[in-house]
Amino acid sequence: MTASNTTSRQARRRWAADCVQLDLTGSQFDHALTLLNTIRDRGASEDVLEDLTLAIGHLRQARRAVSDASRHLWPLTGEDSWHA
């Protein structure tokens, strides 16, 4: 095995680990969104409701960005199919 092959394999492993980390981060976003939605739906004051709604929107955007990053990085790992 050449040094180039070893380096390439190591890079693919790092990218796969990064994908897993991105997916874990995405799961944390999902959990936070669930909590915020629950708080909002239980009846918050108007000013809190507005803040929660804005926070939920921003978290959803961040969640999409994390998912997109994972999906774009995964093909670089050399695996046949996406992991999630």
PDB file of N, CA and C in Angstrom:
ATOM      1  N   MET A   1       0.845  -1.166   0.000  1.00  0.00           N
ATOM      2  CA  MET A   1       0.000   0.000   0.000  1.00  0.00           C
ATOM      3  C   MET A   1       0.896   1.236   0.000  1.00  0.00           C
ATOM      4  N   THR A   2       0.592   2.177  -0.856  1.00  0.00           N
ATOM      5  CA  THR A   2       1.413   3.373  -0.956  1.00  0.00           C
ATOM      6  C   THR A   2       0.997   4.391   0.094  1.00  0.00           C
ATOM      7  N   ALA A   3       1.874   5.351   0.310  1.00  0.00           N
ATOM      8  CA  ALA A   3       1.582   6.420   1.270  1.00  0.00           C
ATOM      9  C   ALA A   3       0.355   7.213   0.829  1.00  0.00           C
ATOM     10  N   SER A   4       0.211   7.360  -0.477  1.00  0.00           N
ATOM     11  CA  SER A   4      -0.946   8.090  -1.011  1.00  0.00           C
ATOM     12  C   SER A   4      -2.253   7.374  -0.689  1.00  0.00           C
ATOM     13  N   ASN A   5      -2.253   6.047  -0.839  1.00  0.00           N
ATOM     14  CA  ASN A   5      -3.453   5.268  -0.518  1.00  0.00           C
ATOM     15  C   ASN A   5      -3.786   5.350   0.968  1.00  0.00           C
ATOM     16  N   THR A   6      -2.746   5.287   1.796  1.00  0.00           N
ATOM     17  CA  THR A   6      -2.955   5.374   3.241  1.00  0.00           C
ATOM     18  C   THR A   6      -3.528   6.735   3.614  1.00  0.00           C
ATOM     19  N   THR A   7      -2.970   7.790   3.046  1.00  0.00           N
ATOM     20  CA  THR A   7      -3.455   9.139   3.318  1.00  0.00           C
ATOM     21  C   THR A   7      -4.892   9.299   2.855  1.00  0.00           C
ATOM     22  N   SER A   8      -5.188   8.762   1.691  1.00  0.00           N
ATOM     23  CA  SER A   8      -6.548   8.839   1.162  1.00  0.00           C
ATOM     24  C   SER A   8      -7.530   8.091   2.058  1.00  0.00           C
ATOM     25  N   ARG A   9      -7.148   6.915   2.504  1.00  0.00           N
ATOM     26  CA  ARG A   9      -8.015   6.130   3.393  1.00  0.00           C
ATOM     27  C   ARG A   9      -8.232   6.868   4.715  1.00  0.00           C
ATOM     28  N   GLN A  10      -7.177   7.464   5.245  1.00  0.00           N
ATOM     29  CA  GLN A  10      -7.303   8.213   6.494  1.00  0.00           C
ATOM     30  C   GLN A  10      -8.239   9.407   6.322  1.00  0.00           C
ATOM     31  N   ALA A  11      -8.138  10.081   5.191  1.00  0.00           N
ATOM     32  CA  ALA A  11      -9.021  11.221   4.926  1.00  0.00           C
ATOM     33  C   ALA A  11     -10.475  10.765   4.856  1.00  0.00           C
ATOM     34  N   ARG A  12     -10.720   9.648   4.176  1.00  0.00           N
ATOM     35  CA  ARG A  12     -12.095   9.135   4.075  1.00  0.00           C
ATOM     36  C   ARG A  12     -12.640   8.759   5.449  1.00  0.00           C
ATOM     37  N   ARG A  13     -11.797   8.210   6.291  1.00  0.00           N
ATOM     38  CA  ARG A  13     -12.235   7.864   7.653  1.00  0.00           C
ATOM     39  C   ARG A  13     -12.572   9.124   8.451  1.00  0.00           C
ATOM     40  N   ARG A  14     -11.743  10.149   8.297  1.00  0.00           N
ATOM     41  CA  ARG A  14     -12.028  11.414   8.989  1.00  0.00           C
ATOM     42  C   ARG A  14     -13.348  12.002   8.498  1.00  0.00           C
ATOM     43  N   TRP A  15     -13.573  11.949   7.181  1.00  0.00           N
ATOM     44  CA  TRP A  15     -14.825  12.487   6.632  1.00  0.00           C
ATOM     45  C   TRP A  15     -16.022  11.695   7.144  1.00  0.00           C
ATOM     46  N   ALA A  16     -15.873  10.385   7.243  1.00  0.00           N
ATOM     47  CA  ALA A  16     -16.967   9.564   7.778  1.00  0.00           C
ATOM     48  C   ALA A  16     -17.239   9.931   9.241  1.00  0.00           C
ATOM     49  N   ALA A  17     -16.179  10.121  10.011  1.00  0.00           N
ATOM     50  CA  ALA A  17     -16.348  10.531  11.412  1.00  0.00           C
ATOM     51  C   ALA A  17     -16.997  11.909  11.494  1.00  0.00           C
ATOM     52  N   ASP A  18     -16.616  12.797  10.591  1.00  0.00           N
ATOM     53  CA  ASP A  18     -17.233  14.126  10.553  1.00  0.00           C
ATOM     54  C   ASP A  18     -18.718  14.030  10.230  1.00  0.00           C
ATOM     55  N   CYS A  19     -19.075  13.130   9.332  1.00  0.00           N
ATOM     56  CA  CYS A  19     -20.490  12.924   8.994  1.00  0.00           C
ATOM     57  C   CYS A  19     -21.269  12.449  10.217  1.00  0.00           C
ATOM     58  N   VAL A  20     -20.687  11.541  10.962  1.00  0.00           N
ATOM     59  CA  VAL A  20     -21.347  11.054  12.180  1.00  0.00           C
ATOM     60  C   VAL A  20     -21.531  12.210  13.159  1.00  0.00           C
ATOM     61  N   GLN A  21     -20.507  13.032  13.310  1.00  0.00           N
ATOM     62  CA  GLN A  21     -20.603  14.180  14.216  1.00  0.00           C
ATOM     63  C   GLN A  21     -21.676  15.157  13.739  1.00  0.00           C
ATOM     64  N   LEU A  22     -21.745  15.396  12.446  1.00  0.00           N
ATOM     65  CA  LEU A  22     -22.789  16.267  11.908  1.00  0.00           C
ATOM     66  C   LEU A  22     -24.171  15.689  12.189  1.00  0.00           C
ATOM     67  N   ASP A  23     -24.314  14.388  12.045  1.00  0.00           N
ATOM     68  CA  ASP A  23     -25.606  13.753  12.317  1.00  0.00           C
ATOM     69  C   ASP A  23     -25.975  13.845  13.795  1.00  0.00           C
ATOM     70  N   LEU A  24     -24.991  13.694  14.673  1.00  0.00           N
ATOM     71  CA  LEU A  24     -25.256  13.850  16.105  1.00  0.00           C
ATOM     72  C   LEU A  24     -25.681  15.283  16.423  1.00  0.00           C
ATOM     73  N   THR A  25     -25.016  16.239  15.803  1.00  0.00           N
ATOM     74  CA  THR A  25     -25.391  17.639  15.980  1.00  0.00           C
ATOM     75  C   THR A  25     -26.809  17.871  15.477  1.00  0.00           C
ATOM     76  N   GLY A  26     -27.134  17.274  14.345  1.00  0.00           N
ATOM     77  CA  GLY A  26     -28.490  17.386  13.812  1.00  0.00           C
ATOM     78  C   GLY A  26     -29.520  16.816  14.762  1.00  0.00           C
ATOM     79  N   SER A  27     -29.195  15.714  15.404  1.00  0.00           N
ATOM     80  CA  SER A  27     -30.109  15.116  16.385  1.00  0.00           C
ATOM     81  C   SER A  27     -30.310  16.041  17.577  1.00  0.00           C
ATOM     82  N   GLN A  28     -29.253  16.721  17.979  1.00  0.00           N
ATOM     83  CA  GLN A  28     -29.381  17.682  19.077  1.00  0.00           C
ATOM     84  C   GLN A  28     -30.270  18.853  18.666  1.00  0.00           C
ATOM     85  N   PHE A  29     -30.141  19.295  17.421  1.00  0.00           N
ATOM     86  CA  PHE A  29     -31.038  20.335  16.911  1.00  0.00           C
ATOM     87  C   PHE A  29     -32.484  19.848  16.956  1.00  0.00           C
ATOM     88  N   ASP A  30     -32.709  18.619  16.528  1.00  0.00           N
ATOM     89  CA  ASP A  30     -34.067  18.064  16.542  1.00  0.00           C
ATOM     90  C   ASP A  30     -34.639  18.053  17.954  1.00  0.00           C
ATOM     91  N   HIS A  31     -33.821  17.663  18.913  1.00  0.00           N
ATOM     92  CA  HIS A  31     -34.276  17.629  20.307  1.00  0.00           C
ATOM     93  C   HIS A  31     -34.614  19.041  20.792  1.00  0.00           C
ATOM     94  N   ALA A  32     -33.747  19.999  20.496  1.00  0.00           N
ATOM     95  CA  ALA A  32     -34.000  21.388  20.896  1.00  0.00           C
ATOM     96  C   ALA A  32     -35.272  21.919  20.239  1.00  0.00           C
ATOM     97  N   LEU A  33     -35.467  21.586  18.975  1.00  0.00           N
ATOM     98  CA  LEU A  33     -36.690  22.015  18.285  1.00  0.00           C
ATOM     99  C   LEU A  33     -37.932  21.425  18.940  1.00  0.00           C
ATOM    100  N   THR A  34     -37.865  20.173  19.314  1.00  0.00           N
ATOM    101  CA  THR A  34     -39.000  19.530  19.983  1.00  0.00           C
ATOM    102  C   THR A  34     -39.318  20.240  21.296  1.00  0.00           C
ATOM    103  N   LEU A  35     -38.280  20.538  22.065  1.00  0.00           N
ATOM    104  CA  LEU A  35     -38.492  21.235  23.336  1.00  0.00           C
ATOM    105  C   LEU A  35     -39.078  22.627  23.125  1.00  0.00           C
ATOM    106  N   LEU A  36     -38.527  23.369  22.182  1.00  0.00           N
ATOM    107  CA  LEU A  36     -39.039  24.714  21.917  1.00  0.00           C
ATOM    108  C   LEU A  36     -40.480  24.681  21.428  1.00  0.00           C
ATOM    109  N   ASN A  37     -40.786  23.740  20.559  1.00  0.00           N
ATOM    110  CA  ASN A  37     -42.167  23.620  20.080  1.00  0.00           C
ATOM    111  C   ASN A  37     -43.118  23.283  21.225  1.00  0.00           C
ATOM    112  N   THR A  38     -42.687  22.417  22.125  1.00  0.00           N
ATOM    113  CA  THR A  38     -43.520  22.052  23.275  1.00  0.00           C
ATOM    114  C   THR A  38     -43.776  23.266  24.160  1.00  0.00           C
ATOM    115  N   ILE A  39     -42.718  24.014  24.446  1.00  0.00           N
ATOM    116  CA  ILE A  39     -42.868  25.220  25.268  1.00  0.00           C
ATOM    117  C   ILE A  39     -43.804  26.212  24.580  1.00  0.00           C
ATOM    118  N   ARG A  40     -43.603  26.412  23.303  1.00  0.00           N
ATOM    119  CA  ARG A  40     -44.439  27.356  22.555  1.00  0.00           C
ATOM    120  C   ARG A  40     -45.895  26.907  22.566  1.00  0.00           C
ATOM    121  N   ASP A  41     -46.118  25.614  22.342  1.00  0.00           N
ATOM    122  CA  ASP A  41     -47.481  25.101  22.235  1.00  0.00           C
ATOM    123  C   ASP A  41     -48.218  25.057  23.570  1.00  0.00           C
ATOM    124  N   ARG A  42     -47.496  25.100  24.656  1.00  0.00           N
ATOM    125  CA  ARG A  42     -48.143  25.072  25.978  1.00  0.00           C
ATOM    126  C   ARG A  42     -48.673  26.441  26.382  1.00  0.00           C
ATOM    127  N   GLY A  43     -48.430  27.423  25.553  1.00  0.00           N
ATOM    128  CA  GLY A  43     -48.974  28.749  25.825  1.00  0.00           C
ATOM    129  C   GLY A  43     -47.973  29.648  26.517  1.00  0.00           C
ATOM    130  N   ALA A  44     -47.326  30.432  25.747  1.00  0.00           N
ATOM    131  CA  ALA A  44     -46.373  31.396  26.279  1.00  0.00           C
ATOM    132  C   ALA A  44     -46.942  32.794  26.053  1.00  0.00           C
ATOM    133  N   SER A  45     -46.418  33.748  26.792  1.00  0.00           N
ATOM    134  CA  SER A  45     -46.858  35.125  26.577  1.00  0.00           C
ATOM    135  C   SER A  45     -46.469  35.560  25.167  1.00  0.00           C
ATOM    136  N   GLU A  46     -47.097  36.617  24.699  1.00  0.00           N
ATOM    137  CA  GLU A  46     -46.915  37.050  23.308  1.00  0.00           C
ATOM    138  C   GLU A  46     -45.454  37.346  22.974  1.00  0.00           C
ATOM    139  N   ASP A  47     -44.738  38.038  23.856  1.00  0.00           N
ATOM    140  CA  ASP A  47     -43.334  38.364  23.568  1.00  0.00           C
ATOM    141  C   ASP A  47     -42.452  37.110  23.575  1.00  0.00           C
ATOM    142  N   VAL A  48     -42.713  36.198  24.497  1.00  0.00           N
ATOM    143  CA  VAL A  48     -41.962  34.941  24.541  1.00  0.00           C
ATOM    144  C   VAL A  48     -42.308  34.088  23.327  1.00  0.00           C
ATOM    145  N   LEU A  49     -43.570  34.066  22.966  1.00  0.00           N
ATOM    146  CA  LEU A  49     -44.009  33.306  21.800  1.00  0.00           C
ATOM    147  C   LEU A  49     -43.297  33.781  20.537  1.00  0.00           C
ATOM    148  N   GLU A  50     -43.175  35.089  20.382  1.00  0.00           N
ATOM    149  CA  GLU A  50     -42.478  35.642  19.217  1.00  0.00           C
ATOM    150  C   GLU A  50     -41.009  35.228  19.215  1.00  0.00           C
ATOM    151  N   ASP A  51     -40.358  35.315  20.372  1.00  0.00           N
ATOM    152  CA  ASP A  51     -38.948  34.916  20.470  1.00  0.00           C
ATOM    153  C   ASP A  51     -38.766  33.428  20.173  1.00  0.00           C
ATOM    154  N   LEU A  52     -39.659  32.609  20.709  1.00  0.00           N
ATOM    155  CA  LEU A  52     -39.577  31.168  20.460  1.00  0.00           C
ATOM    156  C   LEU A  52     -39.775  30.851  18.985  1.00  0.00           C
ATOM    157  N   THR A  53     -40.721  31.518  18.360  1.00  0.00           N
ATOM    158  CA  THR A  53     -40.981  31.279  16.942  1.00  0.00           C
ATOM    159  C   THR A  53     -39.758  31.643  16.104  1.00  0.00           C
ATOM    160  N   LEU A  54     -39.113  32.763  16.427  1.00  0.00           N
ATOM    161  CA  LEU A  54     -37.888  33.153  15.716  1.00  0.00           C
ATOM    162  C   LEU A  54     -36.768  32.137  15.960  1.00  0.00           C
ATOM    163  N   ALA A  55     -36.616  31.709  17.207  1.00  0.00           N
ATOM    164  CA  ALA A  55     -35.571  30.729  17.534  1.00  0.00           C
ATOM    165  C   ALA A  55     -35.805  29.419  16.796  1.00  0.00           C
ATOM    166  N   ILE A  56     -37.053  28.995  16.727  1.00  0.00           N
ATOM    167  CA  ILE A  56     -37.384  27.755  16.015  1.00  0.00           C
ATOM    168  C   ILE A  56     -37.022  27.877  14.543  1.00  0.00           C
ATOM    169  N   GLY A  57     -37.329  29.007  13.941  1.00  0.00           N
ATOM    170  CA  GLY A  57     -36.980  29.224  12.535  1.00  0.00           C
ATOM    171  C   GLY A  57     -35.484  29.166  12.297  1.00  0.00           C
ATOM    172  N   HIS A  58     -34.723  29.802  13.182  1.00  0.00           N
ATOM    173  CA  HIS A  58     -33.262  29.786  13.041  1.00  0.00           C
ATOM    174  C   HIS A  58     -32.696  28.384  13.260  1.00  0.00           C
ATOM    175  N   LEU A  59     -33.229  27.662  14.226  1.00  0.00           N
ATOM    176  CA  LEU A  59     -32.766  26.290  14.456  1.00  0.00           C
ATOM    177  C   LEU A  59     -33.078  25.390  13.265  1.00  0.00           C
ATOM    178  N   ARG A  60     -34.232  25.583  12.666  1.00  0.00           N
ATOM    179  CA  ARG A  60     -34.575  24.778  11.482  1.00  0.00           C
ATOM    180  C   ARG A  60     -33.602  25.047  10.342  1.00  0.00           C
ATOM    181  N   GLN A  61     -33.235  26.317  10.147  1.00  0.00           N
ATOM    182  CA  GLN A  61     -32.257  26.650   9.104  1.00  0.00           C
ATOM    183  C   GLN A  61     -30.910  26.000   9.405  1.00  0.00           C
ATOM    184  N   ALA A  62     -30.491  26.071  10.657  1.00  0.00           N
ATOM    185  CA  ALA A  62     -29.216  25.462  11.044  1.00  0.00           C
ATOM    186  C   ALA A  62     -29.268  23.950  10.857  1.00  0.00           C
ATOM    187  N   ARG A  63     -30.385  23.349  11.200  1.00  0.00           N
ATOM    188  CA  ARG A  63     -30.545  21.897  11.041  1.00  0.00           C
ATOM    189  C   ARG A  63     -30.415  21.499   9.577  1.00  0.00           C
ATOM    190  N   ARG A  64     -31.061  22.265   8.702  1.00  0.00           N
ATOM    191  CA  ARG A  64     -30.957  21.974   7.266  1.00  0.00           C
ATOM    192  C   ARG A  64     -29.518  22.108   6.786  1.00  0.00           C
ATOM    193  N   ALA A  65     -28.814  23.126   7.262  1.00  0.00           N
ATOM    194  CA  ALA A  65     -27.418  23.323   6.855  1.00  0.00           C
ATOM    195  C   ALA A  65     -26.540  22.161   7.316  1.00  0.00           C
ATOM    196  N   VAL A  66     -26.757  21.688   8.532  1.00  0.00           N
ATOM    197  CA  VAL A  66     -25.988  20.550   9.050  1.00  0.00           C
ATOM    198  C   VAL A  66     -26.278  19.296   8.228  1.00  0.00           C
ATOM    199  N   SER A  67     -27.544  19.066   7.915  1.00  0.00           N
ATOM    200  CA  SER A  67     -27.913  17.893   7.102  1.00  0.00           C
ATOM    201  C   SER A  67     -27.302  17.979   5.709  1.00  0.00           C
ATOM    202  N   ASP A  68     -27.363  19.159   5.112  1.00  0.00           N
ATOM    203  CA  ASP A  68     -26.780  19.343   3.782  1.00  0.00           C
ATOM    204  C   ASP A  68     -25.275  19.085   3.804  1.00  0.00           C
ATOM    205  N   ALA A  69     -24.602  19.580   4.831  1.00  0.00           N
ATOM    206  CA  ALA A  69     -23.155  19.371   4.936  1.00  0.00           C
ATOM    207  C   ALA A  69     -22.831  17.885   5.035  1.00  0.00           C
ATOM    208  N   SER A  70     -23.594  17.176   5.826  1.00  0.00           N
ATOM    209  CA  SER A  70     -23.362  15.739   5.972  1.00  0.00           C
ATOM    210  C   SER A  70     -23.595  15.009   4.655  1.00  0.00           C
ATOM    211  N   ARG A  71     -24.679  15.343   3.970  1.00  0.00           N
ATOM    212  CA  ARG A  71     -24.981  14.684   2.689  1.00  0.00           C
ATOM    213  C   ARG A  71     -23.934  14.988   1.627  1.00  0.00           C
ATOM    214  N   HIS A  72     -23.371  16.189   1.641  1.00  0.00           N
ATOM    215  CA  HIS A  72     -22.352  16.534   0.650  1.00  0.00           C
ATOM    216  C   HIS A  72     -20.993  15.913   0.986  1.00  0.00           C
ATOM    217  N   LEU A  73     -20.724  15.748   2.265  1.00  0.00           N
ATOM    218  CA  LEU A  73     -19.443  15.178   2.674  1.00  0.00           C
ATOM    219  C   LEU A  73     -19.415  13.663   2.518  1.00  0.00           C
ATOM    220  N   TRP A  74     -20.546  13.014   2.732  1.00  0.00           N
ATOM    221  CA  TRP A  74     -20.581  11.544   2.730  1.00  0.00           C
ATOM    222  C   TRP A  74     -20.022  10.912   1.453  1.00  0.00           C
ATOM    223  N   PRO A  75     -20.344  11.406   0.257  1.00  0.00           N
ATOM    224  CA  PRO A  75     -19.800  10.759  -0.947  1.00  0.00           C
ATOM    225  C   PRO A  75     -18.267  10.724  -0.979  1.00  0.00           C
ATOM    226  N   LEU A  76     -17.628  11.637  -0.290  1.00  0.00           N
ATOM    227  CA  LEU A  76     -16.169  11.657  -0.264  1.00  0.00           C
ATOM    228  C   LEU A  76     -15.590  10.491   0.531  1.00  0.00           C
ATOM    229  N   THR A  77     -16.425   9.817   1.320  1.00  0.00           N
ATOM    230  CA  THR A  77     -15.939   8.691   2.123  1.00  0.00           C
ATOM    231  C   THR A  77     -15.725   7.442   1.287  1.00  0.00           C
ATOM    232  N   GLY A  78     -16.303   7.418   0.092  1.00  0.00           N
ATOM    233  CA  GLY A  78     -16.150   6.257  -0.771  1.00  0.00           C
ATOM    234  C   GLY A  78     -17.161   5.166  -0.518  1.00  0.00           C
ATOM    235  N   GLU A  79     -18.093   5.389   0.395  1.00  0.00           N
ATOM    236  CA  GLU A  79     -19.137   4.400   0.670  1.00  0.00           C
ATOM    237  C   GLU A  79     -20.167   4.434  -0.451  1.00  0.00           C
ATOM    238  N   ASP A  80     -20.870   3.315  -0.628  1.00  0.00           N
ATOM    239  CA  ASP A  80     -21.832   3.205  -1.721  1.00  0.00           C
ATOM    240  C   ASP A  80     -23.089   4.026  -1.506  1.00  0.00           C
ATOM    241  N   SER A  81     -23.561   4.071  -0.290  1.00  0.00           N
ATOM    242  CA  SER A  81     -24.809   4.791  -0.036  1.00  0.00           C
ATOM    243  C   SER A  81     -24.631   5.710   1.151  1.00  0.00           C
ATOM    244  N   TRP A  82     -25.530   6.663   1.222  1.00  0.00           N
ATOM    245  CA  TRP A  82     -25.485   7.609   2.326  1.00  0.00           C
ATOM    246  C   TRP A  82     -25.813   6.884   3.607  1.00  0.00           C
ATOM    247  N   HIS A  83     -25.232   7.279   4.699  1.00  0.00           N
ATOM    248  CA  HIS A  83     -25.295   6.571   5.966  1.00  0.00           C
ATOM    249  C   HIS A  83     -26.593   6.731   6.722  1.00  0.00           C
ATOM    250  N   ALA A  84     -27.403   7.702   6.427  1.00  0.00           N
ATOM    251  CA  ALA A  84     -28.616   7.912   7.234  1.00  0.00           C
ATOM    252  C   ALA A  84     -29.867   7.684   6.428  1.00  0.00           C
TER     253      ALA A  84
END
